[in-house]
Amino acid sequence: MNAFEWHDEYSVGDATIDGQHQKIIDILNHLHDLLNAETVVDPSAADKVFDQLAEYVMTHFAYEEQRMSEVGYPIDRIAEHRKQHNSLLGKVQQIMDAHENGDSQALAELLPYLYGDWLIDHICHADKDYASFLGASR
């Protein structure tokens, strides 16, 4: 798998949220580099990057949900979006639990999951749904 790149099509039109998405991609790229290094990497290095990713993603999700509320995004759609966030976090936690229990392939599953389900599906579809509300609040 190639490293991830930010594309303008991922933009929701809000500089802060787009910047947060770009930061998450940077962290994913760092994890990608560690997992695909030709030399043996200290396993705890990948764990540290994952912890950084998990902490940043939770902060981002909280900010995004707060921002949706501020711009008048419908409450029922915020609740649905929150469910998607919780589902993404739950799946990531399952992968990390498997890794911590000795599954050597677990972290390799994490990157395709985050790239496909989070980056492509969630940002390009679910996040785009509230983009017009963000633009209207300016």
Protein backbone atom coordinates (compact mmCIF):
# COMPACT_ATOMS: atom_id res chain seq x y z
CA MET A 1 0.00 0.00 0.00
CA ASN A 2 1.24 3.49 -0.81
CA ALA A 3 1.50 6.29 1.69
CA PHE A 4 -1.58 8.47 1.99
CA GLU A 5 -1.87 11.86 0.37
CA TRP A 6 -4.24 14.74 0.96
CA HIS A 7 -6.37 15.65 -2.04
CA ASP A 8 -8.52 18.75 -2.38
CA GLU A 9 -11.55 16.52 -2.91
CA TYR A 10 -11.30 15.56 0.80
CA SER A 11 -11.86 19.17 1.87
CA VAL A 12 -15.02 20.04 3.79
CA GLY A 13 -14.33 23.74 3.30
CA ASP A 14 -13.34 24.43 6.89
CA ALA A 15 -9.63 25.16 7.41
CA THR A 16 -9.52 23.79 10.96
CA ILE A 17 -11.25 20.50 10.14
CA ASP A 18 -9.28 20.10 6.92
CA GLY A 19 -6.08 20.76 8.88
CA GLN A 20 -7.07 18.12 11.42
CA HIS A 21 -7.78 15.63 8.65
CA GLN A 22 -4.36 16.41 7.14
CA LYS A 23 -2.70 15.88 10.55
CA ILE A 24 -4.38 12.48 10.83
CA ILE A 25 -3.05 11.59 7.37
CA ASP A 26 0.44 12.66 8.50
CA ILE A 27 0.20 10.36 11.52
CA LEU A 28 -1.05 7.52 9.29
CA ASN A 29 1.93 8.09 7.00
CA HIS A 30 4.29 7.87 9.97
CA LEU A 31 2.67 4.60 11.04
CA HIS A 32 2.85 3.37 7.44
CA ASP A 33 6.57 4.14 7.32
CA LEU A 34 7.22 2.31 10.59
CA LEU A 35 5.29 -0.77 9.54
CA ASN A 36 6.96 -0.90 6.14
CA ALA A 37 10.53 -0.11 7.19
CA GLU A 38 13.20 -2.37 5.73
CA THR A 39 15.01 -2.48 9.04
CA VAL A 40 13.54 -3.89 12.22
CA VAL A 41 11.76 -1.18 14.14
CA ASP A 42 11.25 -1.20 17.89
CA PRO A 43 7.65 -2.50 18.22
CA SER A 44 6.91 0.14 20.82
CA ALA A 45 7.54 2.86 18.21
CA ALA A 46 4.46 1.76 16.26
CA ASP A 47 2.49 1.58 19.50
CA LYS A 48 3.46 5.16 20.35
CA VAL A 49 2.37 6.38 16.93
CA PHE A 50 -0.90 4.50 17.28
CA ASP A 51 -1.48 6.09 20.69
CA GLN A 52 -0.82 9.50 19.13
CA LEU A 53 -3.29 8.69 16.35
CA ALA A 54 -5.98 7.49 18.75
CA GLU A 55 -5.66 10.58 20.95
CA TYR A 56 -5.70 12.97 18.00
CA VAL A 57 -8.66 11.26 16.32
CA MET A 58 -10.74 11.46 19.51
CA THR A 59 -9.91 15.17 19.82
CA HIS A 60 -10.80 15.69 16.16
CA PHE A 61 -14.11 13.84 16.45
CA ALA A 62 -15.11 15.92 19.48
CA TYR A 63 -14.22 19.16 17.68
CA GLU A 64 -16.05 18.10 14.52
CA GLU A 65 -19.21 17.20 16.44
CA GLN A 66 -19.07 20.50 18.35
CA ARG A 67 -18.60 22.42 15.11
CA MET A 68 -21.57 20.66 13.51
CA SER A 69 -23.73 21.74 16.44
CA GLU A 70 -22.47 25.33 16.24
CA VAL A 71 -23.41 25.67 12.56
CA GLY A 72 -26.91 24.27 12.96
CA TYR A 73 -26.39 20.82 11.51
CA PRO A 74 -29.55 18.83 12.39
CA ILE A 75 -29.35 17.08 15.75
CA ASP A 76 -30.44 13.71 14.36
CA ARG A 77 -27.69 13.85 11.74
CA ILE A 78 -25.12 14.78 14.41
CA ALA A 79 -26.24 11.72 16.38
CA GLU A 80 -25.82 9.53 13.30
CA HIS A 81 -22.40 11.04 12.63
CA ARG A 82 -21.41 10.38 16.26
CA LYS A 83 -22.47 6.73 15.80
CA GLN A 84 -20.16 6.51 12.79
CA HIS A 85 -17.32 8.01 14.83
CA ASN A 86 -17.94 5.51 17.62
CA SER A 87 -18.03 2.64 15.14
CA LEU A 88 -14.72 3.72 13.63
CA LEU A 89 -13.14 3.99 17.09
CA GLY A 90 -14.56 0.59 18.08
CA LYS A 91 -13.08 -1.11 15.04
CA VAL A 92 -9.71 0.53 15.65
CA GLN A 93 -9.86 -0.65 19.27
CA GLN A 94 -10.59 -4.22 18.11
CA ILE A 95 -7.54 -4.12 15.85
CA MET A 96 -5.36 -2.76 18.65
CA ASP A 97 -6.64 -5.37 21.10
CA ALA A 98 -5.72 -8.08 18.61
CA HIS A 99 -2.26 -6.53 18.23
CA GLU A 100 -1.76 -6.37 21.99
CA ASN A 101 -2.82 -10.03 22.24
CA GLY A 102 -0.07 -11.09 19.86
CA ASP A 103 -1.68 -10.88 16.43
CA SER A 104 1.31 -9.79 14.35
CA GLN A 105 -0.89 -8.85 11.38
CA ALA A 106 -3.28 -6.61 13.29
CA LEU A 107 -1.49 -3.32 12.68
CA ALA A 108 -1.19 -4.16 8.99
CA GLU A 109 -5.02 -4.35 8.93
CA LEU A 110 -5.30 -0.95 10.58
CA LEU A 111 -3.96 1.12 7.71
CA PRO A 112 -6.24 -0.25 4.97
CA TYR A 113 -9.20 0.07 7.32
CA LEU A 114 -8.43 3.69 8.17
CA TYR A 115 -7.68 4.56 4.58
CA GLY A 116 -10.84 2.96 3.24
CA ASP A 117 -13.42 3.38 5.97
CA TRP A 118 -12.22 6.58 7.56
CA LEU A 119 -10.48 8.55 4.84
CA ILE A 120 -12.38 7.56 1.74
CA ASP A 121 -15.80 6.66 3.08
CA HIS A 122 -16.18 8.83 6.16
CA ILE A 123 -14.49 12.05 5.03
CA CYS A 124 -15.60 11.92 1.41
CA HIS A 125 -19.20 11.04 2.21
CA ALA A 126 -20.31 11.58 5.80
CA ASP A 127 -18.19 14.67 6.41
CA LYS A 128 -19.15 16.16 3.06
CA ASP A 129 -22.77 16.03 4.21
CA TYR A 130 -22.22 18.84 6.72
CA ALA A 131 -19.89 20.91 4.50
CA SER A 132 -22.68 23.17 3.25
CA PHE A 133 -23.57 24.06 6.85
CA LEU A 134 -19.96 25.05 7.52
CA GLY A 135 -19.92 27.32 4.49
CA ALA A 136 -23.19 28.93 5.50
CA SER A 137 -21.81 29.85 8.92
CA ARG A 138 -19.08 32.13 7.57
